Amino acid sequence: MNKKQIKNWEATRSKGKKRFVLISGVLNWGVLTAILWSLVMSYTSGSRFLNYFLIAIVVFPIGGVLFGHVTWNFMEKKYLKEKSKKTK
């Protein structure tokens, strides 16, 4: 991680894991993926968008929780490794 990435992660982590998972995982990944997937599926199958969206808006945000936790843990591990390098 470079200095800018460390500073950005410190700002993000100061807001907390729950907020990160909600915003990055559920909203940014889950909802956006649900919309995009529904659009693609309705276009390729000829079915109505709403049919796919009702399923996707439940499933993808749940996946977003997992995505948010995995991303948080990955970034936190990377950050702590970088901070331990600097203290040595």
PDB file of N, CA and C in Angstrom:
ATOM      1  N   MET A   1       0.851  -1.183   0.000  1.00  0.00           N
ATOM      2  CA  MET A   1       0.000   0.000   0.000  1.00  0.00           C
ATOM      3  C   MET A   1       0.892   1.241   0.000  1.00  0.00           C
ATOM      4  N   ASN A   2       0.496   2.225  -0.790  1.00  0.00           N
ATOM      5  CA  ASN A   2       1.232   3.478  -0.746  1.00  0.00           C
ATOM      6  C   ASN A   2       0.609   4.404   0.313  1.00  0.00           C
ATOM      7  N   LYS A   3       1.221   5.562   0.502  1.00  0.00           N
ATOM      8  CA  LYS A   3       0.766   6.468   1.565  1.00  0.00           C
ATOM      9  C   LYS A   3      -0.683   6.918   1.380  1.00  0.00           C
ATOM     10  N   LYS A   4      -1.057   7.166   0.134  1.00  0.00           N
ATOM     11  CA  LYS A   4      -2.438   7.609  -0.137  1.00  0.00           C
ATOM     12  C   LYS A   4      -3.441   6.492   0.188  1.00  0.00           C
ATOM     13  N   GLN A   5      -3.113   5.266  -0.177  1.00  0.00           N
ATOM     14  CA  GLN A   5      -3.991   4.132   0.113  1.00  0.00           C
ATOM     15  C   GLN A   5      -4.114   3.917   1.622  1.00  0.00           C
ATOM     16  N   ILE A   6      -3.015   4.063   2.329  1.00  0.00           N
ATOM     17  CA  ILE A   6      -3.046   3.917   3.790  1.00  0.00           C
ATOM     18  C   ILE A   6      -3.938   4.991   4.396  1.00  0.00           C
ATOM     19  N   LYS A   7      -3.773   6.225   3.943  1.00  0.00           N
ATOM     20  CA  LYS A   7      -4.592   7.330   4.461  1.00  0.00           C
ATOM     21  C   LYS A   7      -6.078   7.097   4.166  1.00  0.00           C
ATOM     22  N   ASN A   8      -6.382   6.655   2.947  1.00  0.00           N
ATOM     23  CA  ASN A   8      -7.775   6.370   2.575  1.00  0.00           C
ATOM     24  C   ASN A   8      -8.359   5.246   3.421  1.00  0.00           C
ATOM     25  N   TRP A   9      -7.578   4.189   3.637  1.00  0.00           N
ATOM     26  CA  TRP A   9      -8.088   3.077   4.440  1.00  0.00           C
ATOM     27  C   TRP A   9      -8.286   3.503   5.889  1.00  0.00           C
ATOM     28  N   GLU A  10      -7.383   4.320   6.418  1.00  0.00           N
ATOM     29  CA  GLU A  10      -7.544   4.804   7.790  1.00  0.00           C
ATOM     30  C   GLU A  10      -8.838   5.607   7.938  1.00  0.00           C
ATOM     31  N   ALA A  11      -9.162   6.406   6.930  1.00  0.00           N
ATOM     32  CA  ALA A  11     -10.418   7.168   6.956  1.00  0.00           C
ATOM     33  C   ALA A  11     -11.612   6.229   6.891  1.00  0.00           C
ATOM     34  N   THR A  12     -11.523   5.218   6.050  1.00  0.00           N
ATOM     35  CA  THR A  12     -12.609   4.245   5.906  1.00  0.00           C
ATOM     36  C   THR A  12     -12.788   3.440   7.179  1.00  0.00           C
ATOM     37  N   ARG A  13     -11.699   2.948   7.737  1.00  0.00           N
ATOM     38  CA  ARG A  13     -11.799   2.080   8.928  1.00  0.00           C
ATOM     39  C   ARG A  13     -12.246   2.855  10.152  1.00  0.00           C
ATOM     40  N   SER A  14     -12.000   4.173  10.174  1.00  0.00           N
ATOM     41  CA  SER A  14     -12.452   4.975  11.312  1.00  0.00           C
ATOM     42  C   SER A  14     -13.981   5.074  11.371  1.00  0.00           C
ATOM     43  N   LYS A  15     -14.625   4.863  10.236  1.00  0.00           N
ATOM     44  CA  LYS A  15     -16.094   4.899  10.182  1.00  0.00           C
ATOM     45  C   LYS A  15     -16.718   3.571  10.604  1.00  0.00           C
ATOM     46  N   GLY A  16     -15.909   2.519  10.639  1.00  0.00           N
ATOM     47  CA  GLY A  16     -16.379   1.236  11.141  1.00  0.00           C
ATOM     48  C   GLY A  16     -16.694   0.209  10.076  1.00  0.00           C
ATOM     49  N   LYS A  17     -16.611  -1.036  10.506  1.00  0.00           N
ATOM     50  CA  LYS A  17     -16.842  -2.165   9.611  1.00  0.00           C
ATOM     51  C   LYS A  17     -18.303  -2.262   9.164  1.00  0.00           C
ATOM     52  N   LYS A  18     -19.232  -2.025  10.084  1.00  0.00           N
ATOM     53  CA  LYS A  18     -20.657  -2.131   9.722  1.00  0.00           C
ATOM     54  C   LYS A  18     -21.019  -1.166   8.595  1.00  0.00           C
ATOM     55  N   ARG A  19     -20.544   0.055   8.724  1.00  0.00           N
ATOM     56  CA  ARG A  19     -20.827   1.055   7.688  1.00  0.00           C
ATOM     57  C   ARG A  19     -20.193   0.654   6.352  1.00  0.00           C
ATOM     58  N   PHE A  20     -18.956   0.157   6.417  1.00  0.00           N
ATOM     59  CA  PHE A  20     -18.266  -0.282   5.205  1.00  0.00           C
ATOM     60  C   PHE A  20     -19.035  -1.401   4.511  1.00  0.00           C
ATOM     61  N   VAL A  21     -19.447  -2.395   5.297  1.00  0.00           N
ATOM     62  CA  VAL A  21     -20.180  -3.536   4.726  1.00  0.00           C
ATOM     63  C   VAL A  21     -21.500  -3.060   4.122  1.00  0.00           C
ATOM     64  N   LEU A  22     -22.193  -2.177   4.812  1.00  0.00           N
ATOM     65  CA  LEU A  22     -23.464  -1.670   4.310  1.00  0.00           C
ATOM     66  C   LEU A  22     -23.287  -0.892   3.008  1.00  0.00           C
ATOM     67  N   ILE A  23     -22.355   0.051   3.005  1.00  0.00           N
ATOM     68  CA  ILE A  23     -22.196   0.909   1.830  1.00  0.00           C
ATOM     69  C   ILE A  23     -21.497   0.188   0.685  1.00  0.00           C
ATOM     70  N   SER A  24     -20.311  -0.372   0.965  1.00  0.00           N
ATOM     71  CA  SER A  24     -19.536  -1.009  -0.103  1.00  0.00           C
ATOM     72  C   SER A  24     -20.120  -2.350  -0.528  1.00  0.00           C
ATOM     73  N   GLY A  25     -20.540  -3.136   0.444  1.00  0.00           N
ATOM     74  CA  GLY A  25     -21.039  -4.465   0.120  1.00  0.00           C
ATOM     75  C   GLY A  25     -22.474  -4.482  -0.343  1.00  0.00           C
ATOM     76  N   VAL A  26     -23.366  -4.020   0.528  1.00  0.00           N
ATOM     77  CA  VAL A  26     -24.801  -4.128   0.241  1.00  0.00           C
ATOM     78  C   VAL A  26     -25.240  -3.138  -0.837  1.00  0.00           C
ATOM     79  N   LEU A  27     -24.934  -1.859  -0.635  1.00  0.00           N
ATOM     80  CA  LEU A  27     -25.422  -0.854  -1.584  1.00  0.00           C
ATOM     81  C   LEU A  27     -24.620  -0.834  -2.886  1.00  0.00           C
ATOM     82  N   ASN A  28     -23.311  -0.624  -2.779  1.00  0.00           N
ATOM     83  CA  ASN A  28     -22.509  -0.497  -4.003  1.00  0.00           C
ATOM     84  C   ASN A  28     -22.423  -1.785  -4.796  1.00  0.00           C
ATOM     85  N   TRP A  29     -22.166  -2.894  -4.125  1.00  0.00           N
ATOM     86  CA  TRP A  29     -22.042  -4.144  -4.864  1.00  0.00           C
ATOM     87  C   TRP A  29     -23.394  -4.831  -5.031  1.00  0.00           C
ATOM     88  N   GLY A  30     -24.118  -5.031  -3.937  1.00  0.00           N
ATOM     89  CA  GLY A  30     -25.354  -5.806  -3.981  1.00  0.00           C
ATOM     90  C   GLY A  30     -26.446  -5.207  -4.834  1.00  0.00           C
ATOM     91  N   VAL A  31     -26.770  -3.957  -4.591  1.00  0.00           N
ATOM     92  CA  VAL A  31     -27.874  -3.320  -5.324  1.00  0.00           C
ATOM     93  C   VAL A  31     -27.496  -3.068  -6.779  1.00  0.00           C
ATOM     94  N   LEU A  32     -26.292  -2.559  -7.005  1.00  0.00           N
ATOM     95  CA  LEU A  32     -25.882  -2.306  -8.394  1.00  0.00           C
ATOM     96  C   LEU A  32     -25.799  -3.591  -9.204  1.00  0.00           C
ATOM     97  N   THR A  33     -25.284  -4.635  -8.604  1.00  0.00           N
ATOM     98  CA  THR A  33     -25.218  -5.927  -9.300  1.00  0.00           C
ATOM     99  C   THR A  33     -26.618  -6.474  -9.558  1.00  0.00           C
ATOM    100  N   ALA A  34     -27.517  -6.294  -8.617  1.00  0.00           N
ATOM    101  CA  ALA A  34     -28.900  -6.744  -8.803  1.00  0.00           C
ATOM    102  C   ALA A  34     -29.549  -6.044  -9.992  1.00  0.00           C
ATOM    103  N   ILE A  35     -29.333  -4.751 -10.095  1.00  0.00           N
ATOM    104  CA  ILE A  35     -29.910  -3.989 -11.208  1.00  0.00           C
ATOM    105  C   ILE A  35     -29.303  -4.435 -12.535  1.00  0.00           C
ATOM    106  N   LEU A  36     -27.968  -4.514 -12.577  1.00  0.00           N
ATOM    107  CA  LEU A  36     -27.310  -4.914 -13.825  1.00  0.00           C
ATOM    108  C   LEU A  36     -27.683  -6.327 -14.240  1.00  0.00           C
ATOM    109  N   TRP A  37     -27.688  -7.260 -13.295  1.00  0.00           N
ATOM    110  CA  TRP A  37     -28.045  -8.639 -13.595  1.00  0.00           C
ATOM    111  C   TRP A  37     -29.485  -8.724 -14.111  1.00  0.00           C
ATOM    112  N   SER A  38     -30.377  -7.989 -13.476  1.00  0.00           N
ATOM    113  CA  SER A  38     -31.788  -7.992 -13.897  1.00  0.00           C
ATOM    114  C   SER A  38     -31.947  -7.439 -15.302  1.00  0.00           C
ATOM    115  N   LEU A  39     -31.220  -6.388 -15.601  1.00  0.00           N
ATOM    116  CA  LEU A  39     -31.271  -5.815 -16.957  1.00  0.00           C
ATOM    117  C   LEU A  39     -30.775  -6.810 -17.998  1.00  0.00           C
ATOM    118  N   VAL A  40     -29.632  -7.424 -17.724  1.00  0.00           N
ATOM    119  CA  VAL A  40     -29.061  -8.390 -18.673  1.00  0.00           C
ATOM    120  C   VAL A  40     -29.987  -9.588 -18.844  1.00  0.00           C
ATOM    121  N   MET A  41     -30.480 -10.122 -17.741  1.00  0.00           N
ATOM    122  CA  MET A  41     -31.348 -11.299 -17.827  1.00  0.00           C
ATOM    123  C   MET A  41     -32.667 -10.992 -18.541  1.00  0.00           C
ATOM    124  N   SER A  42     -33.242  -9.840 -18.277  1.00  0.00           N
ATOM    125  CA  SER A  42     -34.501  -9.504 -18.941  1.00  0.00           C
ATOM    126  C   SER A  42     -34.279  -9.262 -20.434  1.00  0.00           C
ATOM    127  N   TYR A  43     -33.143  -8.692 -20.778  1.00  0.00           N
ATOM    128  CA  TYR A  43     -32.836  -8.445 -22.190  1.00  0.00           C
ATOM    129  C   TYR A  43     -32.580  -9.752 -22.935  1.00  0.00           C
ATOM    130  N   THR A  44     -31.776 -10.635 -22.324  1.00  0.00           N
ATOM    131  CA  THR A  44     -31.424 -11.877 -23.025  1.00  0.00           C
ATOM    132  C   THR A  44     -32.553 -12.903 -23.039  1.00  0.00           C
ATOM    133  N   SER A  45     -33.433 -12.880 -22.056  1.00  0.00           N
ATOM    134  CA  SER A  45     -34.493 -13.888 -22.014  1.00  0.00           C
ATOM    135  C   SER A  45     -35.823 -13.372 -22.558  1.00  0.00           C
ATOM    136  N   GLY A  46     -35.943 -12.066 -22.664  1.00  0.00           N
ATOM    137  CA  GLY A  46     -37.196 -11.492 -23.137  1.00  0.00           C
ATOM    138  C   GLY A  46     -38.256 -11.382 -22.055  1.00  0.00           C
ATOM    139  N   SER A  47     -37.919 -11.746 -20.832  1.00  0.00           N
ATOM    140  CA  SER A  47     -38.865 -11.627 -19.721  1.00  0.00           C
ATOM    141  C   SER A  47     -38.855 -10.208 -19.173  1.00  0.00           C
ATOM    142  N   ARG A  48     -39.814  -9.938 -18.303  1.00  0.00           N
ATOM    143  CA  ARG A  48     -39.913  -8.604 -17.714  1.00  0.00           C
ATOM    144  C   ARG A  48     -38.808  -8.386 -16.691  1.00  0.00           C
ATOM    145  N   PHE A  49     -38.301  -7.170 -16.664  1.00  0.00           N
ATOM    146  CA  PHE A  49     -37.254  -6.755 -15.737  1.00  0.00           C
ATOM    147  C   PHE A  49     -37.677  -7.007 -14.294  1.00  0.00           C
ATOM    148  N   LEU A  50     -38.912  -6.672 -13.963  1.00  0.00           N
ATOM    149  CA  LEU A  50     -39.394  -6.778 -12.595  1.00  0.00           C
ATOM    150  C   LEU A  50     -39.339  -8.209 -12.068  1.00  0.00           C
ATOM    151  N   ASN A  51     -39.590  -9.183 -12.942  1.00  0.00           N
ATOM    152  CA  ASN A  51     -39.528 -10.596 -12.512  1.00  0.00           C
ATOM    153  C   ASN A  51     -38.151 -10.943 -11.960  1.00  0.00           C
ATOM    154  N   TYR A  52     -37.118 -10.526 -12.657  1.00  0.00           N
ATOM    155  CA  TYR A  52     -35.746 -10.802 -12.214  1.00  0.00           C
ATOM    156  C   TYR A  52     -35.342  -9.905 -11.059  1.00  0.00           C
ATOM    157  N   PHE A  53     -35.760  -8.658 -11.115  1.00  0.00           N
ATOM    158  CA  PHE A  53     -35.330  -7.699 -10.102  1.00  0.00           C
ATOM    159  C   PHE A  53     -35.827  -8.068  -8.705  1.00  0.00           C
ATOM    160  N   LEU A  54     -37.040  -8.564  -8.593  1.00  0.00           N
ATOM    161  CA  LEU A  54     -37.578  -8.930  -7.277  1.00  0.00           C
ATOM    162  C   LEU A  54     -36.754 -10.028  -6.608  1.00  0.00           C
ATOM    163  N   ILE A  55     -36.236 -10.938  -7.400  1.00  0.00           N
ATOM    164  CA  ILE A  55     -35.371 -11.987  -6.862  1.00  0.00           C
ATOM    165  C   ILE A  55     -33.989 -11.411  -6.557  1.00  0.00           C
ATOM    166  N   ALA A  56     -33.452 -10.670  -7.506  1.00  0.00           N
ATOM    167  CA  ALA A  56     -32.086 -10.155  -7.401  1.00  0.00           C
ATOM    168  C   ALA A  56     -31.916  -9.162  -6.258  1.00  0.00           C
ATOM    169  N   ILE A  57     -32.936  -8.360  -5.978  1.00  0.00           N
ATOM    170  CA  ILE A  57     -32.801  -7.337  -4.940  1.00  0.00           C
ATOM    171  C   ILE A  57     -32.752  -7.957  -3.543  1.00  0.00           C
ATOM    172  N   VAL A  58     -33.095  -9.217  -3.437  1.00  0.00           N
ATOM    173  CA  VAL A  58     -32.958  -9.937  -2.173  1.00  0.00           C
ATOM    174  C   VAL A  58     -31.621 -10.694  -2.145  1.00  0.00           C
ATOM    175  N   VAL A  59     -31.330 -11.411  -3.217  1.00  0.00           N
ATOM    176  CA  VAL A  59     -30.172 -12.304  -3.250  1.00  0.00           C
ATOM    177  C   VAL A  59     -28.845 -11.542  -3.291  1.00  0.00           C
ATOM    178  N   PHE A  60     -28.715 -10.583  -4.173  1.00  0.00           N
ATOM    179  CA  PHE A  60     -27.430  -9.910  -4.349  1.00  0.00           C
ATOM    180  C   PHE A  60     -27.008  -9.060  -3.143  1.00  0.00           C
ATOM    181  N   PRO A  61     -27.890  -8.340  -2.494  1.00  0.00           N
ATOM    182  CA  PRO A  61     -27.449  -7.645  -1.277  1.00  0.00           C
ATOM    183  C   PRO A  61     -26.992  -8.601  -0.168  1.00  0.00           C
ATOM    184  N   ILE A  62     -27.588  -9.786  -0.081  1.00  0.00           N
ATOM    185  CA  ILE A  62     -27.095 -10.776   0.882  1.00  0.00           C
ATOM    186  C   ILE A  62     -25.664 -11.172   0.512  1.00  0.00           C
ATOM    187  N   GLY A  63     -25.434 -11.381  -0.775  1.00  0.00           N
ATOM    188  CA  GLY A  63     -24.073 -11.639  -1.248  1.00  0.00           C
ATOM    189  C   GLY A  63     -23.164 -10.449  -0.993  1.00  0.00           C
ATOM    190  N   GLY A  64     -23.735  -9.249  -1.024  1.00  0.00           N
ATOM    191  CA  GLY A  64     -22.971  -8.040  -0.751  1.00  0.00           C
ATOM    192  C   GLY A  64     -22.450  -7.974   0.671  1.00  0.00           C
ATOM    193  N   VAL A  65     -23.206  -8.555   1.608  1.00  0.00           N
ATOM    194  CA  VAL A  65     -22.732  -8.631   2.996  1.00  0.00           C
ATOM    195  C   VAL A  65     -21.454  -9.467   3.033  1.00  0.00           C
ATOM    196  N   LEU A  66     -21.481 -10.599   2.381  1.00  0.00           N
ATOM    197  CA  LEU A  66     -20.295 -11.453   2.319  1.00  0.00           C
ATOM    198  C   LEU A  66     -19.145 -10.726   1.609  1.00  0.00           C
ATOM    199  N   PHE A  67     -19.442 -10.098   0.499  1.00  0.00           N
ATOM    200  CA  PHE A  67     -18.437  -9.352  -0.254  1.00  0.00           C
ATOM    201  C   PHE A  67     -17.814  -8.251   0.611  1.00  0.00           C
ATOM    202  N   GLY A  68     -18.634  -7.529   1.346  1.00  0.00           N
ATOM    203  CA  GLY A  68     -18.147  -6.460   2.214  1.00  0.00           C
ATOM    204  C   GLY A  68     -17.242  -6.972   3.315  1.00  0.00           C
ATOM    205  N   HIS A  69     -17.631  -8.088   3.946  1.00  0.00           N
ATOM    206  CA  HIS A  69     -16.802  -8.674   5.007  1.00  0.00           C
ATOM    207  C   HIS A  69     -15.465  -9.165   4.457  1.00  0.00           C
ATOM    208  N   VAL A  70     -15.490  -9.841   3.327  1.00  0.00           N
ATOM    209  CA  VAL A  70     -14.254 -10.355   2.724  1.00  0.00           C
ATOM    210  C   VAL A  70     -13.338  -9.192   2.332  1.00  0.00           C
ATOM    211  N   THR A  71     -13.898  -8.170   1.736  1.00  0.00           N
ATOM    212  CA  THR A  71     -13.102  -7.014   1.334  1.00  0.00           C
ATOM    213  C   THR A  71     -12.509  -6.314   2.548  1.00  0.00           C
ATOM    214  N   TRP A  72     -13.315  -6.118   3.583  1.00  0.00           N
ATOM    215  CA  TRP A  72     -12.825  -5.483   4.813  1.00  0.00           C
ATOM    216  C   TRP A  72     -11.652  -6.274   5.395  1.00  0.00           C
ATOM    217  N   ASN A  73     -11.830  -7.584   5.534  1.00  0.00           N
ATOM    218  CA  ASN A  73     -10.785  -8.424   6.119  1.00  0.00           C
ATOM    219  C   ASN A  73      -9.512  -8.400   5.282  1.00  0.00           C
ATOM    220  N   PHE A  74      -9.651  -8.425   3.967  1.00  0.00           N
ATOM    221  CA  PHE A  74      -8.495  -8.362   3.069  1.00  0.00           C
ATOM    222  C   PHE A  74      -7.749  -7.037   3.236  1.00  0.00           C
ATOM    223  N   MET A  75      -8.488  -5.943   3.224  1.00  0.00           N
ATOM    224  CA  MET A  75      -7.867  -4.626   3.343  1.00  0.00           C
ATOM    225  C   MET A  75      -7.257  -4.412   4.723  1.00  0.00           C
ATOM    226  N   GLU A  76      -7.916  -4.896   5.740  1.00  0.00           N
ATOM    227  CA  GLU A  76      -7.414  -4.745   7.106  1.00  0.00           C
ATOM    228  C   GLU A  76      -6.103  -5.519   7.279  1.00  0.00           C
ATOM    229  N   LYS A  77      -6.054  -6.711   6.735  1.00  0.00           N
ATOM    230  CA  LYS A  77      -4.831  -7.522   6.810  1.00  0.00           C
ATOM    231  C   LYS A  77      -3.691  -6.818   6.073  1.00  0.00           C
ATOM    232  N   LYS A  78      -3.991  -6.306   4.915  1.00  0.00           N
ATOM    233  CA  LYS A  78      -2.994  -5.580   4.121  1.00  0.00           C
ATOM    234  C   LYS A  78      -2.510  -4.328   4.867  1.00  0.00           C
ATOM    235  N   TYR A  79      -3.437  -3.612   5.460  1.00  0.00           N
ATOM    236  CA  TYR A  79      -3.121  -2.395   6.210  1.00  0.00           C
ATOM    237  C   TYR A  79      -2.245  -2.709   7.426  1.00  0.00           C
ATOM    238  N   LEU A  80      -2.626  -3.703   8.200  1.00  0.00           N
ATOM    239  CA  LEU A  80      -1.862  -4.054   9.396  1.00  0.00           C
ATOM    240  C   LEU A  80      -0.460  -4.554   9.046  1.00  0.00           C
ATOM    241  N   LYS A  81      -0.348  -5.270   7.947  1.00  0.00           N
ATOM    242  CA  LYS A  81       0.960  -5.730   7.484  1.00  0.00           C
ATOM    243  C   LYS A  81       1.837  -4.533   7.131  1.00  0.00           C
ATOM    244  N   GLU A  82       1.266  -3.581   6.459  1.00  0.00           N
ATOM    245  CA  GLU A  82       2.005  -2.375   6.070  1.00  0.00           C
ATOM    246  C   GLU A  82       2.415  -1.558   7.297  1.00  0.00           C
ATOM    247  N   LYS A  83       1.507  -1.436   8.251  1.00  0.00           N
ATOM    248  CA  LYS A  83       1.821  -0.675   9.473  1.00  0.00           C
ATOM    249  C   LYS A  83       2.913  -1.371  10.286  1.00  0.00           C
ATOM    250  N   SER A  84       2.900  -2.702  10.322  1.00  0.00           N
ATOM    251  CA  SER A  84       3.939  -3.408  11.079  1.00  0.00           C
ATOM    252  C   SER A  84       5.306  -3.260  10.412  1.00  0.00           C
ATOM    253  N   LYS A  85       5.340  -3.139   9.082  1.00  0.00           N
ATOM    254  CA  LYS A  85       6.594  -2.899   8.359  1.00  0.00           C
ATOM    255  C   LYS A  85       7.198  -1.549   8.770  1.00  0.00           C
ATOM    256  N   LYS A  86       6.352  -0.565   8.899  1.00  0.00           N
ATOM    257  CA  LYS A  86       6.809   0.782   9.186  1.00  0.00           C
ATOM    258  C   LYS A  86       7.323   0.942  10.614  1.00  0.00           C
ATOM    259  N   THR A  87       6.827   0.110  11.527  1.00  0.00           N
ATOM    260  CA  THR A  87       7.278   0.208  12.917  1.00  0.00           C
ATOM    261  C   THR A  87       8.586  -0.530  13.145  1.00  0.00           C
ATOM    262  N   LYS A  88       8.988  -1.369  12.201  1.00  0.00           N
ATOM    263  CA  LYS A  88      10.245  -2.123  12.352  1.00  0.00           C
ATOM    264  C   LYS A  88      11.432  -1.313  11.935  1.00  0.00           C
TER     265      LYS A  88
END
